[in-house]
Amino acid sequence: MDKTSRKKETDDAYARWLEEYDESKPDKGRKFMTVSSKPIKPLYTPKDAENIDFDRDIGYPGQYPYTRGVHASMYRKKSWTMRQFSGFGSPAQTNERYHFLLKRGQMGLSVAFDLPTLMGYDSDSVRSVGEVGVCGVAVDTLKDMEIIFDGIDLGKISTSMTINCTSTILLAMYIAVAEKQGVPSEMLTGTLQNDILKEYIAQKEWIYPPEPSIRLITDMMAFCAQHVPKWNTISISGYHIREAGATAAQELAFTLADGFTYVEAALAVGMDVDTFAPRLSFFFNSHLDFFEEIAKYRAARRIWARHMREKYKAKDPHSWLMRFHTQTAGCSLTAQQPENNIVRTAFQGLAGVLGGTQSLHTNSMDETYALPTEHAVKLALRTQQLIACETGVANTIDPLAGSYFVETLTNELEAEAERYFDEIAKRGGVLKCIEQGYLQREVADAAYRFQKEIEKKERIIVGVNDFVEEDEDVKIPLLKIDAQVESDQIASLKKVKQGRDNDRVKSTLAALKKAAQAGENHMPPLLDCIRCYTTEEEITSVLTEVYGTYTEPPLI
């Protein structure tokens, strides 16, 4: 049978199926759509994937364009890193939790900081009252970091730190702790989130205006390329953009656009792309639309590889690789029937694995109420271990490749991301789009649409707008942060200030200010500040004198 005859036979078979489908009277009132509100066809066939070229678009794991994964062997050689996000209360309590998790099979640490630390305030600041240790661990000086990592060999563990506008300070503290342990900075492995652009778009934690904030980042990139070569200097983060209500395509497009902006900033200060691009990493959300999330990860790798090779002319294949961490969707967790969150998280974790993530955090069922208890976080870790050891999904690499549906979704997400790139470029780039409020409005519109779909019951959330239990009495244990944590932390900070060389503190702060004013790299004088137990707020105050603070313009 020739090609034309085969095509006619296929088309005829599809027409017969479509007639049967219509006669079966599927639910006409139900909307079949992704979490991102994109309509889904009832069936996908070779016709949907006819423009896909295997070598150009799919290929092999570990080979350009990396659609199927960044490593040739993926999980057959080494499992993804199971990295539970943790940190609460005092440094000593966080250290205890880390030892608890490491003993139960966690492979890497991921540090959650409290709000004052995230925003550059010390625990004794009037702005910190009631927030010390509540949403993460309190860190004021090098002493706190020494306690957090007491008994943990930084030469043998990989650490991720979720910190942005004060990221240079926390990295300097980490390097200084390693020095005290006798671990050279060249051996340190881990990741800083350090993605200030997504803060302006979604999470809203900043201190300085965008331009000096990006300068701090490029300074760190240059310093780490020379002194901390195994460290991922930015985890370009779509997670918080998605948590704010973005669609999968918006998360994909805005995250990669941010990434390209950092690349261009580093190139603008004279860095060679292949000296820093291999240490860029990404951080994505894993939401509840199973196939859309898997397609998103596959499209992300392909887009990054193509742009880095073709637009930014990177020669080193490591510069083309998109390595990423995944966290399950906090915004999908419900306060109603919280045990359901265990199931949601399992599906989301599975999508991250089938999408080829390099590390994974699974949320705990109680995180809509508080930071997780030991029981809840252990269960979340066990969820990952069950996926790895009992489901069989890691036995073969990218098992959904070639699926008409998955490949079509991958192509559609890539095309939508490229349309966003064009629009961002027309508006003058990411910084201009932030100033204009364009990216923020796009996310807000998507969040509003999603909420309306829930209210109209076009989208069912189990336990929230359907399958509701009247007079539900939630009885799960919750972690409570004792108010004594704050007073103890303030007392500890006071003791550090009394015991340090305050003249040296003043001189190192003066040197940092001078370097900032002169356009010199921030990292060496910043490290000097940290080594003499200068506080976080003392450092941010000096830099604020040079750079000022940022106020978001009103969105119209």
Protein backbone atom coordinates (compact mmCIF):
# COMPACT_ATOMS: atom_id res chain seq x y z
CA MET A 1 0.00 0.00 0.00
CA ASP A 2 1.44 3.38 -1.00
CA LYS A 3 1.68 6.42 1.27
CA THR A 4 -1.42 8.13 -0.17
CA SER A 5 -3.55 5.00 0.28
CA ARG A 6 -2.32 4.53 3.87
CA LYS A 7 -3.16 8.15 4.67
CA LYS A 8 -6.68 7.77 3.24
CA GLU A 9 -7.23 4.60 5.24
CA THR A 10 -6.08 6.33 8.43
CA ASP A 11 -8.31 9.34 7.75
CA ASP A 12 -11.28 7.07 7.06
CA ALA A 13 -10.69 5.13 10.29
CA TYR A 14 -10.52 8.40 12.24
CA ALA A 15 -13.78 9.58 10.65
CA ARG A 16 -15.51 6.31 11.65
CA TRP A 17 -14.23 6.65 15.23
CA LEU A 18 -15.35 10.30 15.40
CA GLU A 19 -18.84 9.30 14.30
CA GLU A 20 -18.99 6.65 17.03
CA TYR A 21 -17.67 9.16 19.56
CA ASP A 22 -20.36 11.70 18.68
CA GLU A 23 -23.06 9.02 18.83
CA SER A 24 -21.91 8.03 22.33
CA LYS A 25 -23.04 11.48 23.50
CA PRO A 26 -20.09 12.51 25.70
CA ASP A 27 -20.85 15.03 28.44
CA LYS A 28 -21.37 18.21 26.40
CA GLY A 29 -21.58 20.42 29.50
CA ARG A 30 -18.20 19.41 30.87
CA LYS A 31 -15.11 21.38 29.97
CA PHE A 32 -12.17 19.18 29.09
CA MET A 33 -9.16 21.39 29.68
CA THR A 34 -5.76 21.54 31.32
CA VAL A 35 -5.07 23.27 34.61
CA SER A 36 -4.01 26.19 32.40
CA SER A 37 -7.51 26.28 30.84
CA LYS A 38 -6.32 25.02 27.46
CA PRO A 39 -8.92 22.85 25.70
CA ILE A 40 -8.03 19.18 25.22
CA LYS A 41 -9.14 17.16 22.21
CA PRO A 42 -10.85 13.82 22.87
CA LEU A 43 -8.14 11.90 20.97
CA TYR A 44 -4.66 12.54 19.60
CA THR A 45 -3.38 10.70 16.54
CA PRO A 46 -0.32 10.66 14.25
CA LYS A 47 -1.86 13.63 12.43
CA ASP A 48 -1.31 15.83 15.51
CA ALA A 49 2.36 14.90 15.57
CA GLU A 50 3.04 14.85 11.85
CA ASN A 51 5.32 17.92 11.95
CA ILE A 52 7.53 16.46 14.66
CA ASP A 53 10.97 15.40 13.50
CA PHE A 54 12.50 12.81 15.82
CA ASP A 55 16.12 13.90 15.45
CA ARG A 56 15.33 17.63 15.58
CA ASP A 57 12.66 17.68 18.30
CA ILE A 58 12.94 14.53 20.42
CA GLY A 59 16.31 12.84 20.05
CA TYR A 60 18.07 10.94 22.81
CA PRO A 61 18.68 11.58 26.50
CA GLY A 62 21.89 13.49 27.11
CA GLN A 63 21.98 14.76 23.53
CA TYR A 64 20.89 18.06 22.02
CA PRO A 65 18.17 19.37 22.25
CA TYR A 66 17.80 17.40 25.53
CA THR A 67 14.03 17.03 25.25
CA ARG A 68 14.35 13.58 26.83
CA GLY A 69 16.70 14.54 29.66
CA VAL A 70 20.06 16.12 30.36
CA HIS A 71 21.92 12.87 31.15
CA ALA A 72 22.29 9.84 28.91
CA SER A 73 21.51 7.38 31.71
CA MET A 74 19.15 9.55 33.79
CA TYR A 75 17.82 7.61 36.82
CA ARG A 76 19.28 4.25 35.79
CA LYS A 77 22.64 5.51 37.04
CA LYS A 78 21.58 7.80 39.88
CA SER A 79 18.22 8.75 41.32
CA TRP A 80 17.10 12.34 41.49
CA THR A 81 18.15 14.16 44.67
CA MET A 82 15.43 13.96 47.32
CA ARG A 83 15.69 17.42 48.83
CA GLN A 84 13.01 18.34 51.36
CA PHE A 85 12.64 22.09 52.01
CA SER A 86 13.09 22.56 55.75
CA GLY A 87 14.12 25.02 58.39
CA PHE A 88 12.21 26.56 61.26
CA GLY A 89 12.57 28.28 64.58
CA SER A 90 16.09 28.53 65.93
CA PRO A 91 19.29 27.40 64.22
CA ALA A 92 19.57 24.57 66.77
CA GLN A 93 16.05 23.29 65.98
CA THR A 94 16.81 23.36 62.26
CA ASN A 95 20.06 21.48 62.79
CA GLU A 96 18.12 18.81 64.67
CA ARG A 97 15.59 18.51 61.81
CA TYR A 98 18.41 18.16 59.25
CA HIS A 99 19.99 15.29 61.16
CA PHE A 100 16.53 13.70 61.41
CA LEU A 101 16.03 13.88 57.64
CA LEU A 102 19.54 12.79 56.67
CA LYS A 103 19.22 9.70 58.87
CA ARG A 104 16.01 8.79 57.00
CA GLY A 105 17.50 8.85 53.53
CA GLN A 106 17.31 12.48 52.41
CA MET A 107 20.13 13.17 49.95
CA GLY A 108 20.51 16.95 50.13
CA LEU A 109 19.49 19.88 52.29
CA SER A 110 17.18 22.73 51.34
CA VAL A 111 17.11 25.69 53.72
CA ALA A 112 13.97 27.69 54.46
CA PHE A 113 14.64 31.07 56.08
CA ASP A 114 12.26 33.18 58.13
CA LEU A 115 10.79 36.39 56.74
CA PRO A 116 13.21 38.79 58.50
CA THR A 117 16.18 36.89 57.03
CA LEU A 118 14.57 36.89 53.59
CA MET A 119 14.06 40.66 53.78
CA GLY A 120 17.40 41.63 55.33
CA TYR A 121 16.28 42.40 58.89
CA ASP A 122 17.93 41.18 62.06
CA SER A 123 15.88 39.36 64.66
CA ASP A 124 16.03 42.35 67.01
CA SER A 125 14.56 44.75 64.44
CA VAL A 126 11.15 46.27 65.16
CA ARG A 127 10.10 44.96 61.75
CA SER A 128 10.84 41.38 62.84
CA VAL A 129 8.48 41.24 65.81
CA GLY A 130 6.32 38.12 65.65
CA GLU A 131 8.09 36.70 62.59
CA VAL A 132 11.35 35.33 63.99
CA GLY A 133 11.67 31.64 63.16
CA VAL A 134 8.03 31.37 62.07
CA CYS A 135 8.22 30.53 58.35
CA GLY A 136 11.81 29.28 58.39
CA VAL A 137 15.01 29.47 60.36
CA ALA A 138 16.27 32.77 61.78
CA VAL A 139 19.78 33.77 60.62
CA ASP A 140 21.44 36.98 61.74
CA THR A 141 25.18 36.25 61.68
CA LEU A 142 27.74 33.61 60.80
CA LYS A 143 27.19 32.11 64.26
CA ASP A 144 23.69 31.00 63.28
CA MET A 145 24.94 29.27 60.14
CA GLU A 146 27.62 27.51 62.18
CA ILE A 147 24.90 26.08 64.41
CA ILE A 148 22.62 25.10 61.51
CA PHE A 149 25.35 22.99 59.89
CA ASP A 150 26.96 21.68 63.05
CA GLY A 151 27.95 18.05 62.53
CA ILE A 152 27.17 18.19 58.79
CA ASP A 153 30.17 17.95 56.46
CA LEU A 154 29.67 20.63 53.79
CA GLY A 155 32.21 18.88 51.60
CA LYS A 156 29.90 15.86 51.33
CA ILE A 157 26.40 17.37 51.22
CA SER A 158 24.65 19.47 48.59
CA THR A 159 22.69 22.42 49.99
CA SER A 160 20.00 24.53 48.37
CA MET A 161 19.14 27.88 49.93
CA THR A 162 15.86 29.61 49.15
CA ILE A 163 16.98 33.20 49.45
CA ASN A 164 16.91 36.06 46.97
CA CYS A 165 17.53 39.72 47.79
CA THR A 166 19.98 38.76 50.56
CA SER A 167 21.44 35.74 48.76
CA THR A 168 24.99 37.10 48.53
CA ILE A 169 25.07 37.44 52.32
CA LEU A 170 23.87 33.89 52.96
CA LEU A 171 26.26 32.41 50.41
CA ALA A 172 29.13 34.27 52.08
CA MET A 173 28.04 32.79 55.42
CA TYR A 174 27.96 29.29 53.91
CA ILE A 175 31.46 29.71 52.46
CA ALA A 176 32.71 30.98 55.83
CA VAL A 177 31.21 27.97 57.65
CA ALA A 178 32.98 25.68 55.19
CA GLU A 179 36.25 27.50 55.85
CA LYS A 180 35.84 26.82 59.58
CA GLN A 181 35.22 23.14 58.77
CA GLY A 182 38.37 23.05 56.64
CA VAL A 183 36.38 22.55 53.43
CA PRO A 184 37.72 24.62 50.50
CA SER A 185 35.15 26.61 48.55
CA GLU A 186 36.10 24.68 45.39
CA MET A 187 34.47 21.59 46.92
CA LEU A 188 31.13 23.16 47.80
CA THR A 189 28.06 21.98 45.89
CA GLY A 190 24.60 23.43 46.03
CA THR A 191 22.27 26.08 44.72
CA LEU A 192 21.12 29.56 45.59
CA GLN A 193 17.71 30.62 44.43
CA ASN A 194 19.01 34.17 43.91
CA ASP A 195 16.35 34.99 41.29
CA ILE A 196 15.41 38.59 41.95
CA LEU A 197 13.44 39.05 38.71
CA LYS A 198 10.76 36.60 39.78
CA GLU A 199 10.50 38.53 43.04
CA TYR A 200 9.45 41.65 41.14
CA ILE A 201 7.03 39.55 39.09
CA ALA A 202 5.47 37.30 41.72
CA GLN A 203 6.82 36.82 45.23
CA LYS A 204 7.49 40.50 46.11
CA GLU A 205 10.54 40.11 48.37
CA TRP A 206 13.11 42.72 47.42
CA ILE A 207 15.28 45.46 48.90
CA TYR A 208 17.12 47.27 46.11
CA PRO A 209 15.96 48.41 42.65
CA PRO A 210 16.37 45.94 39.76
CA GLU A 211 19.63 47.28 38.28
CA PRO A 212 21.82 47.02 41.41
CA SER A 213 20.10 43.76 42.31
CA ILE A 214 21.22 42.26 39.02
CA ARG A 215 24.71 43.67 39.57
CA LEU A 216 24.90 41.77 42.87
CA ILE A 217 23.96 38.63 40.98
CA THR A 218 26.54 39.06 38.21
CA ASP A 219 29.19 39.80 40.84
CA MET A 220 28.35 36.51 42.52
CA MET A 221 28.43 34.67 39.19
CA ALA A 222 31.90 36.02 38.44
CA PHE A 223 33.17 35.23 41.95
CA CYS A 224 31.79 31.69 41.97
CA ALA A 225 33.12 30.91 38.50
CA GLN A 226 36.58 31.47 39.95
CA HIS A 227 36.25 30.36 43.58
CA VAL A 228 33.13 28.15 43.97
CA PRO A 229 33.01 26.44 40.56
CA LYS A 230 30.59 23.64 41.52
CA TRP A 231 27.98 26.01 42.93
CA ASN A 232 24.77 26.82 41.02
CA THR A 233 24.68 30.60 41.35
CA ILE A 234 21.05 31.09 40.34
CA SER A 235 18.05 28.80 40.46
CA ILE A 236 15.94 30.64 37.92
CA SER A 237 12.56 30.12 39.42
CA GLY A 238 9.19 29.58 37.83
CA TYR A 239 7.84 28.03 41.00
CA HIS A 240 6.65 31.26 42.60
CA ILE A 241 5.32 32.62 39.31
CA ARG A 242 3.11 29.53 39.09
CA GLU A 243 2.13 29.80 42.75
CA ALA A 244 0.92 33.35 42.03
CA GLY A 245 -1.55 31.94 39.50
CA ALA A 246 0.35 31.67 36.21
CA THR A 247 -0.47 29.07 33.60
CA ALA A 248 2.04 26.39 32.66
CA ALA A 249 2.95 28.35 29.51
CA GLN A 250 3.43 31.56 31.49
CA GLU A 251 5.60 29.78 34.05
CA LEU A 252 7.67 28.35 31.20
CA ALA A 253 7.96 31.59 29.23
CA PHE A 254 8.54 34.06 32.06
CA THR A 255 11.06 31.79 33.78
CA LEU A 256 13.14 31.31 30.65
CA ALA A 257 12.85 35.00 29.77
CA ASP A 258 14.29 35.78 33.22
CA GLY A 259 17.06 33.28 32.55
CA PHE A 260 17.96 34.91 29.25
CA THR A 261 18.00 38.29 31.01
CA TYR A 262 20.62 37.02 33.48
CA VAL A 263 22.66 35.62 30.60
CA GLU A 264 22.56 38.97 28.82
CA ALA A 265 23.49 40.83 32.03
CA ALA A 266 26.55 38.62 32.51
CA LEU A 267 27.57 39.05 28.88
CA ALA A 268 27.19 42.81 29.22
CA VAL A 269 29.81 42.93 31.99
CA GLY A 270 32.27 40.96 29.88
CA MET A 271 31.80 37.40 31.10
CA ASP A 272 32.18 34.57 28.61
CA VAL A 273 28.94 32.61 28.33
CA ASP A 274 30.65 29.26 28.83
CA THR A 275 32.23 30.36 32.12
CA PHE A 276 28.89 30.88 33.87
CA ALA A 277 26.06 29.21 31.93
CA PRO A 278 26.90 25.65 33.08
CA ARG A 279 26.22 26.75 36.68
CA LEU A 280 22.77 28.16 36.00
CA SER A 281 19.93 25.94 37.17
CA PHE A 282 16.15 26.17 37.25
CA PHE A 283 13.31 25.61 39.69
CA PHE A 284 9.87 24.59 38.45
CA ASN A 285 6.47 23.92 39.94
CA SER A 286 4.75 20.59 39.50
CA HIS A 287 1.03 21.22 39.36
CA LEU A 288 -1.84 18.78 39.06
CA ASP A 289 -2.27 18.48 35.30
CA PHE A 290 -0.12 15.41 34.92
CA PHE A 291 0.59 15.49 31.19
CA GLU A 292 0.83 19.26 30.86
CA GLU A 293 3.53 19.36 33.54
CA ILE A 294 5.57 16.61 31.88
CA ALA A 295 5.31 18.40 28.53
CA LYS A 296 6.35 21.68 30.20
CA TYR A 297 9.62 20.19 31.45
CA ARG A 298 10.41 18.64 28.07
CA ALA A 299 9.70 21.92 26.26
CA ALA A 300 11.80 23.87 28.78
CA ARG A 301 14.92 21.81 28.12
CA ARG A 302 14.48 22.11 24.38
CA ILE A 303 13.91 25.88 24.38
CA TRP A 304 16.89 26.56 26.66
CA ALA A 305 19.22 24.38 24.59
CA ARG A 306 18.22 25.98 21.31
CA HIS A 307 18.50 29.55 22.56
CA MET A 308 21.81 29.00 24.36
CA ARG A 309 23.40 27.37 21.33
CA GLU A 310 21.88 29.41 18.53
CA LYS A 311 21.24 32.86 20.02
CA TYR A 312 23.89 33.17 22.73
CA LYS A 313 26.49 31.11 20.82
CA ALA A 314 27.52 28.94 23.75
CA LYS A 315 30.07 26.37 22.62
CA ASP A 316 30.23 24.16 25.71
CA PRO A 317 27.41 21.58 25.67
CA HIS A 318 27.12 22.02 29.44
CA SER A 319 25.89 25.55 28.72
CA TRP A 320 22.99 24.12 26.75
CA LEU A 321 21.76 21.91 29.59
CA MET A 322 18.76 22.92 31.63
CA ARG A 323 19.14 21.24 35.00
CA PHE A 324 16.22 21.85 37.31
CA HIS A 325 14.74 21.22 40.74
CA THR A 326 11.02 20.58 41.11
CA GLN A 327 8.68 21.24 44.01
CA THR A 328 5.11 20.08 44.14
CA ALA A 329 2.48 22.82 44.01
CA GLY A 330 1.86 24.47 47.35
CA CYS A 331 -1.07 26.38 45.85
CA SER A 332 -2.85 23.09 45.12
CA LEU A 333 -2.85 22.00 48.77
CA THR A 334 -6.16 22.42 50.53
CA ALA A 335 -7.01 23.11 54.15
CA GLN A 336 -10.15 21.01 53.63
CA GLN A 337 -9.55 17.24 53.93
CA PRO A 338 -5.78 17.74 54.24
CA GLU A 339 -5.01 14.03 53.89
CA ASN A 340 -5.99 14.44 50.22
CA ASN A 341 -2.82 16.50 49.86
CA ILE A 342 -0.74 13.33 50.23
CA VAL A 343 -2.33 11.98 47.05
CA ARG A 344 -2.02 15.29 45.20
CA THR A 345 1.65 15.48 46.07
CA ALA A 346 2.30 11.91 44.90
CA PHE A 347 0.83 12.63 41.46
CA GLN A 348 2.80 15.87 41.19
CA GLY A 349 6.03 14.20 42.28
CA LEU A 350 5.48 11.47 39.70
CA ALA A 351 5.03 14.10 36.98
CA GLY A 352 8.31 15.73 38.00
CA VAL A 353 10.11 12.40 37.74
CA LEU A 354 8.57 11.50 34.37
CA GLY A 355 9.51 15.01 33.23
CA GLY A 356 13.17 14.35 34.07
CA THR A 357 13.84 16.53 37.14
CA GLN A 358 17.28 16.47 38.78
CA SER A 359 15.96 16.98 42.32
CA LEU A 360 12.56 16.99 43.94
CA HIS A 361 10.78 18.36 46.99
CA THR A 362 7.41 16.90 47.90
CA ASN A 363 5.17 19.11 50.03
CA SER A 364 3.75 17.89 53.31
CA MET A 365 0.02 17.51 53.85
CA ASP A 366 -0.13 20.08 56.67
CA GLU A 367 1.58 23.00 54.92
CA THR A 368 -1.65 24.93 54.38
CA TYR A 369 -1.73 25.36 58.17
CA ALA A 370 1.89 25.62 59.27
CA LEU A 371 5.43 24.44 58.67
CA PRO A 372 5.37 20.63 58.52
CA THR A 373 5.67 18.37 61.53
CA GLU A 374 8.31 15.63 61.59
CA HIS A 375 5.61 13.04 60.86
CA ALA A 376 4.29 14.95 57.84
CA VAL A 377 7.71 15.70 56.36
CA LYS A 378 8.79 12.07 56.79
CA LEU A 379 5.66 10.95 54.93
CA ALA A 380 6.44 13.43 52.14
CA LEU A 381 9.97 12.02 51.88
CA ARG A 382 8.60 8.47 51.85
CA THR A 383 6.39 9.52 48.90
CA GLN A 384 9.51 10.19 46.86
CA GLN A 385 11.11 6.94 47.98
CA LEU A 386 7.98 5.02 46.96
CA ILE A 387 8.07 6.60 43.50
CA ALA A 388 11.76 5.73 43.14
CA CYS A 389 11.67 2.19 44.49
CA GLU A 390 8.19 0.74 43.91
CA THR A 391 6.50 2.25 40.83
CA GLY A 392 9.04 1.24 38.17
CA VAL A 393 8.84 4.62 36.45
CA ALA A 394 12.60 5.16 36.76
CA ASN A 395 13.45 1.96 34.94
CA THR A 396 13.30 3.51 31.49
CA ILE A 397 14.11 7.04 30.36
CA ASP A 398 11.36 9.41 29.21
CA PRO A 399 8.79 6.63 28.71
CA LEU A 400 6.15 9.03 27.36
CA ALA A 401 8.26 10.16 24.39
CA GLY A 402 6.43 9.56 21.14
CA SER A 403 3.01 9.88 22.73
CA TYR A 404 0.89 11.84 20.27
CA PHE A 405 -0.66 13.74 23.17
CA VAL A 406 2.54 14.49 25.09
CA GLU A 407 4.51 15.49 22.00
CA THR A 408 1.67 17.75 20.85
CA LEU A 409 1.48 19.40 24.29
CA THR A 410 5.26 19.84 24.28
CA ASN A 411 5.14 21.57 20.90
CA GLU A 412 2.19 23.75 21.88
CA LEU A 413 3.88 24.91 25.08
CA GLU A 414 7.09 25.69 23.22
CA ALA A 415 5.17 27.70 20.61
CA GLU A 416 3.27 29.66 23.27
CA ALA A 417 6.49 30.42 25.12
CA GLU A 418 8.07 31.72 21.91
CA ARG A 419 5.07 34.00 21.37
CA TYR A 420 5.62 35.41 24.86
CA PHE A 421 9.32 35.92 24.12
CA ASP A 422 8.37 37.96 21.06
CA GLU A 423 5.93 40.09 23.05
CA ILE A 424 8.47 40.68 25.85
CA ALA A 425 11.07 41.73 23.28
CA LYS A 426 8.61 44.15 21.63
CA ARG A 427 7.99 45.76 25.01
CA GLY A 428 11.69 46.30 25.63
CA GLY A 429 12.69 43.22 27.62
CA VAL A 430 11.92 41.75 31.03
CA LEU A 431 12.90 44.80 33.10
CA LYS A 432 10.66 47.07 31.02
CA CYS A 433 7.83 44.55 31.26
CA ILE A 434 8.19 44.53 35.05
CA GLU A 435 8.15 48.34 35.15
CA GLN A 436 5.05 48.37 32.92
CA GLY A 437 3.35 45.67 34.99
CA TYR A 438 2.83 43.51 31.90
CA LEU A 439 4.08 40.24 33.41
CA GLN A 440 2.26 40.87 36.69
CA ARG A 441 -1.04 41.52 34.87
CA GLU A 442 -0.70 38.37 32.77
CA VAL A 443 -0.30 36.28 35.91
CA ALA A 444 -3.13 38.08 37.73
CA ASP A 445 -5.50 37.54 34.80
CA ALA A 446 -4.70 33.82 34.72
CA ALA A 447 -5.25 33.52 38.49
CA TYR A 448 -8.60 35.32 38.21
CA ARG A 449 -9.74 33.04 35.39
CA PHE A 450 -8.77 29.92 37.39
CA GLN A 451 -10.68 31.12 40.45
CA LYS A 452 -13.80 31.87 38.39
CA GLU A 453 -13.69 28.36 36.95
CA ILE A 454 -13.68 26.96 40.50
CA GLU A 455 -16.56 29.18 41.58
CA LYS A 456 -18.60 28.12 38.53
CA LYS A 457 -17.69 24.46 39.18
CA GLU A 458 -16.19 24.24 35.72
CA ARG A 459 -13.16 22.94 37.60
CA ILE A 460 -13.61 20.52 40.48
CA ILE A 461 -11.35 20.72 43.53
CA VAL A 462 -12.06 17.67 45.69
CA GLY A 463 -13.20 18.65 49.14
CA VAL A 464 -13.51 22.33 48.22
CA ASN A 465 -16.31 22.73 45.68
CA ASP A 466 -17.40 19.10 45.40
CA PHE A 467 -17.20 15.95 47.54
CA VAL A 468 -17.43 18.31 50.50
CA GLU A 469 -17.82 16.93 54.01
CA GLU A 470 -20.18 18.98 56.14
CA ASP A 471 -18.98 19.88 59.64
CA GLU A 472 -15.52 18.60 58.82
CA ASP A 473 -13.33 18.46 61.91
CA VAL A 474 -9.67 18.51 60.89
CA LYS A 475 -7.54 16.72 63.45
CA ILE A 476 -3.94 16.62 62.38
CA PRO A 477 -1.03 17.64 64.59
CA LEU A 478 0.54 20.99 63.70
CA LEU A 479 3.99 22.43 64.31
CA LYS A 480 3.86 25.47 66.56
CA ILE A 481 6.78 27.88 66.93
CA ASP A 482 7.17 28.85 70.57
CA ALA A 483 7.38 32.59 71.23
CA GLN A 484 10.51 31.82 73.27
CA VAL A 485 12.36 31.26 69.97
CA GLU A 486 12.26 34.99 69.25
CA SER A 487 13.51 36.10 72.64
CA ASP A 488 16.24 33.44 72.63
CA GLN A 489 17.38 34.47 69.15
CA ILE A 490 17.53 38.14 70.16
CA ALA A 491 19.55 37.21 73.26
CA SER A 492 21.91 35.13 71.10
CA LEU A 493 22.38 38.02 68.67
CA LYS A 494 23.12 40.40 71.54
CA LYS A 495 25.79 38.04 72.83
CA VAL A 496 27.42 37.82 69.39
CA LYS A 497 27.54 41.61 69.09
CA GLN A 498 29.12 41.93 72.51
CA GLY A 499 31.76 39.31 71.81
CA ARG A 500 32.92 40.35 68.34
CA ASP A 501 35.53 42.92 67.30
CA ASN A 502 33.23 45.88 66.60
CA ASP A 503 36.03 48.07 65.25
CA ARG A 504 36.70 45.41 62.64
CA VAL A 505 32.99 45.27 61.86
CA LYS A 506 32.98 49.01 61.14
CA SER A 507 36.07 48.84 58.94
CA THR A 508 34.78 45.91 56.87
CA LEU A 509 31.43 47.63 56.37
CA ALA A 510 33.24 50.77 55.20
CA ALA A 511 35.24 48.66 52.73
CA LEU A 512 32.04 47.05 51.43
CA LYS A 513 30.43 50.46 50.90
CA LYS A 514 33.50 51.73 49.09
CA ALA A 515 33.53 48.68 46.78
CA ALA A 516 29.83 49.12 46.00
CA GLN A 517 30.32 52.80 45.15
CA ALA A 518 33.37 52.03 43.00
CA GLY A 519 31.66 49.30 40.98
CA GLU A 520 33.97 46.60 42.33
CA ASN A 521 32.89 43.01 42.98
CA HIS A 522 30.86 42.82 46.21
CA MET A 523 31.84 39.31 47.23
CA PRO A 524 35.39 39.71 48.66
CA PRO A 525 34.54 42.62 51.02
CA LEU A 526 31.24 40.94 51.87
CA LEU A 527 33.08 37.81 52.97
CA ASP A 528 35.30 39.96 55.19
CA CYS A 529 32.18 41.38 56.83
CA ILE A 530 30.75 37.92 57.46
CA ARG A 531 33.97 36.52 58.93
CA CYS A 532 33.88 39.09 61.75
CA TYR A 533 30.20 38.35 62.54
CA THR A 534 28.66 41.43 60.97
CA THR A 535 24.87 41.04 60.96
CA GLU A 536 22.70 40.72 57.91
CA GLU A 537 20.88 44.01 58.58
CA GLU A 538 24.15 45.89 59.09
CA ILE A 539 25.20 44.78 55.62
CA THR A 540 21.88 45.53 53.90
CA SER A 541 21.77 48.96 55.56
CA VAL A 542 25.14 49.88 54.08
CA LEU A 543 24.13 48.70 50.60
CA THR A 544 20.82 50.55 50.88
CA GLU A 545 22.78 53.76 51.46
CA VAL A 546 24.43 53.18 48.07
CA TYR A 547 21.56 51.75 46.04
CA GLY A 548 18.37 52.90 47.74
CA THR A 549 15.25 50.76 48.00
CA TYR A 550 12.63 49.72 45.45
CA THR A 551 8.95 50.63 45.46
CA GLU A 552 6.72 48.83 42.97
CA PRO A 553 4.81 51.23 40.71
CA PRO A 554 1.02 50.91 40.82
CA LEU A 555 -0.49 48.64 38.17
CA ILE A 556 -3.17 50.27 36.07
